[in-house]
Amino acid sequence: MTRFTLIIGLLAALLCSCASTANLSPEQKEAREQEKRINAIRDSIAHEVAVQSLDNLDFVLEAGKLIFKRGRSAYVSPSTNFISVVNGKATVQIAVFKSIPGINGIGGITVEGTPSYVKKSVDKKGNYSLSMSVSGTGISATVHISLPSGSTYATAVITPNFHSYNITLQGTVIPASASNVYKARPL
């Protein structure tokens, strides 16, 4: 009986919300349309800034979600999980375990390296991709970043050269100057 009551309540709420949007005045409808146009322009500008920072190799991808080898995922803090390239140095930091200090002191690992073999491309739909090899102390991997058209939410796949334990980071690409990530002690 409670399931039935819940379904009826949800349907009633849905009908009320639909009825309230149907009774909007022309000024309210115009205000909503204008807000949608402003949001689209804002998203377009943010996407262009993200593409420009990727082009200049001066960016930070602040990850809010990690996806591991067999599809397991974890939601994480963007301030401690990131990929950055600043001043010709790439940093990859993963900090999943908050209760265990880890190698870097904050529950994970921080590795630095030099990006090389950088390839940038844009497909017909406007999707941007960046691929680079990163090698240094503790890291020898290929990093592939995909940025969909009109968005700043990117997916980065880190493929190590010596084993098959890929890790995927999903998050927002921003210029390095606008980032407030916490970089822990690297290897």
C-alpha atoms as a PDB file:
ATOM      1  CA  MET A   1       0.000   0.000   0.000  1.00  0.00           C
ATOM      2  CA  THR A   2       2.823   2.447   0.744  1.00  0.00           C
ATOM      3  CA  ARG A   3       4.324   1.952  -2.723  1.00  0.00           C
ATOM      4  CA  PHE A   4       1.010   2.772  -4.315  1.00  0.00           C
ATOM      5  CA  THR A   5       0.678   5.893  -2.154  1.00  0.00           C
ATOM      6  CA  LEU A   6       4.200   6.971  -3.080  1.00  0.00           C
ATOM      7  CA  ILE A   7       3.517   6.558  -6.804  1.00  0.00           C
ATOM      8  CA  ILE A   8       0.260   8.520  -6.568  1.00  0.00           C
ATOM      9  CA  GLY A   9       2.050  11.288  -4.641  1.00  0.00           C
ATOM     10  CA  LEU A  10       4.833  11.503  -7.219  1.00  0.00           C
ATOM     11  CA  LEU A  11       2.324  11.673 -10.075  1.00  0.00           C
ATOM     12  CA  ALA A  12       0.408  14.443  -8.305  1.00  0.00           C
ATOM     13  CA  ALA A  13       3.620  16.423  -7.785  1.00  0.00           C
ATOM     14  CA  LEU A  14       4.532  15.962 -11.453  1.00  0.00           C
ATOM     15  CA  LEU A  15       1.124  17.172 -12.608  1.00  0.00           C
ATOM     16  CA  CYS A  16       1.320  20.226 -10.321  1.00  0.00           C
ATOM     17  CA  SER A  17       4.742  21.176 -11.648  1.00  0.00           C
ATOM     18  CA  CYS A  18       3.573  20.780 -15.257  1.00  0.00           C
ATOM     19  CA  ALA A  19       0.491  22.876 -14.586  1.00  0.00           C
ATOM     20  CA  SER A  20       2.545  25.629 -12.948  1.00  0.00           C
ATOM     21  CA  THR A  21       4.823  25.978 -16.016  1.00  0.00           C
ATOM     22  CA  ALA A  22       1.829  26.055 -18.357  1.00  0.00           C
ATOM     23  CA  ASN A  23       0.383  29.088 -16.520  1.00  0.00           C
ATOM     24  CA  LEU A  24       3.439  31.318 -16.978  1.00  0.00           C
ATOM     25  CA  SER A  25       2.948  34.841 -18.206  1.00  0.00           C
ATOM     26  CA  PRO A  26       4.664  35.899 -21.454  1.00  0.00           C
ATOM     27  CA  GLU A  27       7.178  37.949 -19.437  1.00  0.00           C
ATOM     28  CA  GLN A  28       8.101  34.908 -17.337  1.00  0.00           C
ATOM     29  CA  LYS A  29       8.460  32.742 -20.438  1.00  0.00           C
ATOM     30  CA  GLU A  30      10.711  35.378 -22.038  1.00  0.00           C
ATOM     31  CA  ALA A  31      12.783  35.596 -18.846  1.00  0.00           C
ATOM     32  CA  ARG A  32      13.268  31.821 -18.868  1.00  0.00           C
ATOM     33  CA  GLU A  33      14.297  31.853 -22.529  1.00  0.00           C
ATOM     34  CA  GLN A  34      16.730  34.689 -21.867  1.00  0.00           C
ATOM     35  CA  GLU A  35      18.203  32.788 -18.906  1.00  0.00           C
ATOM     36  CA  LYS A  36      18.677  29.723 -21.139  1.00  0.00           C
ATOM     37  CA  ARG A  37      20.485  31.857 -23.764  1.00  0.00           C
ATOM     38  CA  ILE A  38      22.729  33.415 -21.106  1.00  0.00           C
ATOM     39  CA  ASN A  39      23.605  29.970 -19.705  1.00  0.00           C
ATOM     40  CA  ALA A  40      24.409  28.707 -23.221  1.00  0.00           C
ATOM     41  CA  ILE A  41      26.736  31.679 -23.831  1.00  0.00           C
ATOM     42  CA  ARG A  42      28.371  31.168 -20.425  1.00  0.00           C
ATOM     43  CA  ASP A  43      28.939  27.462 -21.177  1.00  0.00           C
ATOM     44  CA  SER A  44      30.366  28.297 -24.607  1.00  0.00           C
ATOM     45  CA  ILE A  45      32.827  30.795 -23.130  1.00  0.00           C
ATOM     46  CA  ALA A  46      33.888  28.333 -20.409  1.00  0.00           C
ATOM     47  CA  HIS A  47      34.448  25.657 -23.079  1.00  0.00           C
ATOM     48  CA  GLU A  48      36.623  27.998 -25.145  1.00  0.00           C
ATOM     49  CA  VAL A  49      38.679  28.864 -22.048  1.00  0.00           C
ATOM     50  CA  ALA A  50      39.129  25.144 -21.314  1.00  0.00           C
ATOM     51  CA  VAL A  51      40.195  24.427 -24.913  1.00  0.00           C
ATOM     52  CA  GLN A  52      42.623  27.349 -24.850  1.00  0.00           C
ATOM     53  CA  SER A  53      44.193  26.139 -21.593  1.00  0.00           C
ATOM     54  CA  LEU A  54      44.550  22.613 -23.049  1.00  0.00           C
ATOM     55  CA  ASP A  55      46.119  24.069 -26.210  1.00  0.00           C
ATOM     56  CA  ASN A  56      48.606  26.074 -24.155  1.00  0.00           C
ATOM     57  CA  LEU A  57      49.392  23.061 -21.923  1.00  0.00           C
ATOM     58  CA  ASP A  58      48.611  25.180 -18.865  1.00  0.00           C
ATOM     59  CA  PHE A  59      45.597  23.425 -17.347  1.00  0.00           C
ATOM     60  CA  VAL A  60      44.264  21.446 -14.404  1.00  0.00           C
ATOM     61  CA  LEU A  61      41.665  18.708 -14.714  1.00  0.00           C
ATOM     62  CA  GLU A  62      40.029  18.597 -11.271  1.00  0.00           C
ATOM     63  CA  ALA A  63      38.503  15.126 -10.982  1.00  0.00           C
ATOM     64  CA  GLY A  64      35.348  14.464  -9.008  1.00  0.00           C
ATOM     65  CA  LYS A  65      35.057  10.820 -10.026  1.00  0.00           C
ATOM     66  CA  LEU A  66      37.577   8.024 -10.526  1.00  0.00           C
ATOM     67  CA  ILE A  67      36.813   4.862 -12.494  1.00  0.00           C
ATOM     68  CA  PHE A  68      39.117   1.913 -11.896  1.00  0.00           C
ATOM     69  CA  LYS A  69      40.106  -1.040 -14.082  1.00  0.00           C
ATOM     70  CA  ARG A  70      37.042  -3.234 -13.693  1.00  0.00           C
ATOM     71  CA  GLY A  71      34.461  -0.459 -13.683  1.00  0.00           C
ATOM     72  CA  ARG A  72      34.439   0.292  -9.971  1.00  0.00           C
ATOM     73  CA  SER A  73      34.125   3.992  -9.305  1.00  0.00           C
ATOM     74  CA  ALA A  74      34.653   6.399  -6.449  1.00  0.00           C
ATOM     75  CA  TYR A  75      33.561   9.987  -5.948  1.00  0.00           C
ATOM     76  CA  VAL A  76      36.509  12.007  -4.702  1.00  0.00           C
ATOM     77  CA  SER A  77      37.524  15.535  -3.808  1.00  0.00           C
ATOM     78  CA  PRO A  78      38.519  17.618  -6.849  1.00  0.00           C
ATOM     79  CA  SER A  79      41.049  19.564  -4.787  1.00  0.00           C
ATOM     80  CA  THR A  80      43.175  16.451  -4.173  1.00  0.00           C
ATOM     81  CA  ASN A  81      42.539  14.402  -7.346  1.00  0.00           C
ATOM     82  CA  PHE A  82      43.766  16.023 -10.508  1.00  0.00           C
ATOM     83  CA  ILE A  83      45.945  16.036 -13.608  1.00  0.00           C
ATOM     84  CA  SER A  84      47.835  19.223 -14.313  1.00  0.00           C
ATOM     85  CA  VAL A  85      50.338  20.515 -16.803  1.00  0.00           C
ATOM     86  CA  VAL A  86      52.038  23.720 -15.702  1.00  0.00           C
ATOM     87  CA  ASN A  87      55.340  25.179 -16.946  1.00  0.00           C
ATOM     88  CA  GLY A  88      56.223  22.029 -18.892  1.00  0.00           C
ATOM     89  CA  LYS A  89      55.686  19.685 -15.942  1.00  0.00           C
ATOM     90  CA  ALA A  90      52.811  17.206 -15.695  1.00  0.00           C
ATOM     91  CA  THR A  91      51.450  16.133 -12.314  1.00  0.00           C
ATOM     92  CA  VAL A  92      49.040  13.280 -11.660  1.00  0.00           C
ATOM     93  CA  GLN A  93      47.640  13.024  -8.141  1.00  0.00           C
ATOM     94  CA  ILE A  94      45.189  10.390  -6.919  1.00  0.00           C
ATOM     95  CA  ALA A  95      44.075  10.549  -3.281  1.00  0.00           C
ATOM     96  CA  VAL A  96      41.306   8.068  -2.558  1.00  0.00           C
ATOM     97  CA  PHE A  97      42.101   6.835   0.960  1.00  0.00           C
ATOM     98  CA  LYS A  98      41.493   9.638   3.458  1.00  0.00           C
ATOM     99  CA  SER A  99      42.053   7.497   6.556  1.00  0.00           C
ATOM    100  CA  ILE A 100      45.357   6.032   5.322  1.00  0.00           C
ATOM    101  CA  PRO A 101      48.136   8.593   4.808  1.00  0.00           C
ATOM    102  CA  GLY A 102      49.535   6.953   1.671  1.00  0.00           C
ATOM    103  CA  ILE A 103      52.789   7.712  -0.100  1.00  0.00           C
ATOM    104  CA  ASN A 104      52.017  11.398  -0.619  1.00  0.00           C
ATOM    105  CA  GLY A 105      50.729  12.077   2.901  1.00  0.00           C
ATOM    106  CA  ILE A 106      47.071  12.631   1.947  1.00  0.00           C
ATOM    107  CA  GLY A 107      45.932   9.113   1.114  1.00  0.00           C
ATOM    108  CA  GLY A 108      47.227   8.361  -2.343  1.00  0.00           C
ATOM    109  CA  ILE A 109      50.052   9.023  -4.743  1.00  0.00           C
ATOM    110  CA  THR A 110      51.466  12.067  -6.505  1.00  0.00           C
ATOM    111  CA  VAL A 111      53.765  11.642  -9.490  1.00  0.00           C
ATOM    112  CA  GLU A 112      55.424  14.191 -11.731  1.00  0.00           C
ATOM    113  CA  GLY A 113      56.851  13.895 -15.198  1.00  0.00           C
ATOM    114  CA  THR A 114      57.527  15.628 -18.457  1.00  0.00           C
ATOM    115  CA  PRO A 115      54.860  15.613 -21.165  1.00  0.00           C
ATOM    116  CA  SER A 116      55.995  14.584 -24.642  1.00  0.00           C
ATOM    117  CA  TYR A 117      54.481  13.414 -27.928  1.00  0.00           C
ATOM    118  CA  VAL A 118      51.576  15.812 -27.453  1.00  0.00           C
ATOM    119  CA  LYS A 119      48.783  15.373 -30.003  1.00  0.00           C
ATOM    120  CA  LYS A 120      45.756  17.652 -30.179  1.00  0.00           C
ATOM    121  CA  SER A 121      42.716  17.197 -32.382  1.00  0.00           C
ATOM    122  CA  VAL A 122      39.167  18.416 -32.886  1.00  0.00           C
ATOM    123  CA  ASP A 123      36.589  16.250 -34.644  1.00  0.00           C
ATOM    124  CA  LYS A 124      33.709  17.371 -36.891  1.00  0.00           C
ATOM    125  CA  LYS A 125      31.350  17.779 -33.938  1.00  0.00           C
ATOM    126  CA  GLY A 126      33.778  20.038 -32.069  1.00  0.00           C
ATOM    127  CA  ASN A 127      34.930  17.456 -29.511  1.00  0.00           C
ATOM    128  CA  TYR A 128      38.491  18.202 -28.428  1.00  0.00           C
ATOM    129  CA  SER A 129      41.061  15.565 -27.534  1.00  0.00           C
ATOM    130  CA  LEU A 130      44.579  15.774 -26.166  1.00  0.00           C
ATOM    131  CA  SER A 131      46.945  12.834 -25.935  1.00  0.00           C
ATOM    132  CA  MET A 132      50.411  12.926 -24.392  1.00  0.00           C
ATOM    133  CA  SER A 133      53.042  10.663 -22.935  1.00  0.00           C
ATOM    134  CA  VAL A 134      54.176  11.507 -19.423  1.00  0.00           C
ATOM    135  CA  SER A 135      57.426  10.095 -18.094  1.00  0.00           C
ATOM    136  CA  GLY A 136      59.289  10.829 -14.904  1.00  0.00           C
ATOM    137  CA  THR A 137      59.920   9.497 -11.416  1.00  0.00           C
ATOM    138  CA  GLY A 138      57.159   7.006 -10.695  1.00  0.00           C
ATOM    139  CA  ILE A 139      55.246   7.502 -13.931  1.00  0.00           C
ATOM    140  CA  SER A 140      55.496   6.285 -17.483  1.00  0.00           C
ATOM    141  CA  ALA A 141      52.056   6.519 -19.002  1.00  0.00           C
ATOM    142  CA  THR A 142      49.909   7.858 -21.793  1.00  0.00           C
ATOM    143  CA  VAL A 143      47.250  10.383 -20.812  1.00  0.00           C
ATOM    144  CA  HIS A 144      44.293  10.889 -23.143  1.00  0.00           C
ATOM    145  CA  ILE A 145      41.882  13.741 -22.353  1.00  0.00           C
ATOM    146  CA  SER A 146      38.509  14.065 -24.132  1.00  0.00           C
ATOM    147  CA  LEU A 147      36.549  17.309 -23.878  1.00  0.00           C
ATOM    148  CA  PRO A 148      33.053  17.228 -25.429  1.00  0.00           C
ATOM    149  CA  SER A 149      31.877  20.194 -27.463  1.00  0.00           C
ATOM    150  CA  GLY A 150      30.347  22.993 -25.399  1.00  0.00           C
ATOM    151  CA  SER A 151      31.404  21.548 -22.048  1.00  0.00           C
ATOM    152  CA  THR A 152      34.213  21.828 -19.524  1.00  0.00           C
ATOM    153  CA  TYR A 153      33.540  18.361 -18.094  1.00  0.00           C
ATOM    154  CA  ALA A 154      36.288  16.097 -19.454  1.00  0.00           C
ATOM    155  CA  THR A 155      37.317  12.471 -19.227  1.00  0.00           C
ATOM    156  CA  ALA A 156      40.991  11.538 -18.854  1.00  0.00           C
ATOM    157  CA  VAL A 157      42.251   7.988 -19.274  1.00  0.00           C
ATOM    158  CA  ILE A 158      45.678   7.207 -17.827  1.00  0.00           C
ATOM    159  CA  THR A 159      47.230   4.139 -19.447  1.00  0.00           C
ATOM    160  CA  PRO A 160      50.495   3.003 -17.813  1.00  0.00           C
ATOM    161  CA  ASN A 161      53.189   1.690 -20.143  1.00  0.00           C
ATOM    162  CA  PHE A 162      54.254  -1.226 -17.945  1.00  0.00           C
ATOM    163  CA  HIS A 163      50.936  -2.775 -16.858  1.00  0.00           C
ATOM    164  CA  SER A 164      47.265  -2.662 -17.794  1.00  0.00           C
ATOM    165  CA  TYR A 165      45.807  -0.979 -14.719  1.00  0.00           C
ATOM    166  CA  ASN A 166      44.073   1.944 -16.440  1.00  0.00           C
ATOM    167  CA  ILE A 167      42.395   4.624 -14.394  1.00  0.00           C
ATOM    168  CA  THR A 168      39.854   7.144 -15.641  1.00  0.00           C
ATOM    169  CA  LEU A 169      39.328  10.576 -14.123  1.00  0.00           C
ATOM    170  CA  GLN A 170      36.219  12.628 -14.819  1.00  0.00           C
ATOM    171  CA  GLY A 171      36.105  16.279 -13.932  1.00  0.00           C
ATOM    172  CA  THR A 172      36.331  19.891 -14.972  1.00  0.00           C
ATOM    173  CA  VAL A 173      39.140  21.417 -17.043  1.00  0.00           C
ATOM    174  CA  ILE A 174      40.179  24.897 -15.935  1.00  0.00           C
ATOM    175  CA  PRO A 175      43.225  27.110 -16.483  1.00  0.00           C
ATOM    176  CA  ALA A 176      46.021  26.476 -13.986  1.00  0.00           C
ATOM    177  CA  SER A 177      45.810  30.054 -12.724  1.00  0.00           C
ATOM    178  CA  ALA A 178      42.166  29.532 -11.688  1.00  0.00           C
ATOM    179  CA  SER A 179      42.750  26.235  -9.885  1.00  0.00           C
ATOM    180  CA  ASN A 180      42.947  25.757  -6.132  1.00  0.00           C
ATOM    181  CA  VAL A 181      44.141  22.142  -5.914  1.00  0.00           C
ATOM    182  CA  TYR A 182      46.335  20.906  -3.084  1.00  0.00           C
ATOM    183  CA  LYS A 183      49.489  19.312  -4.418  1.00  0.00           C
ATOM    184  CA  ALA A 184      50.936  16.798  -1.994  1.00  0.00           C
ATOM    185  CA  ARG A 185      54.482  15.469  -1.706  1.00  0.00           C
ATOM    186  CA  PRO A 186      55.495  13.827  -5.022  1.00  0.00           C
ATOM    187  CA  LEU A 187      57.597  10.667  -5.307  1.00  0.00           C
END
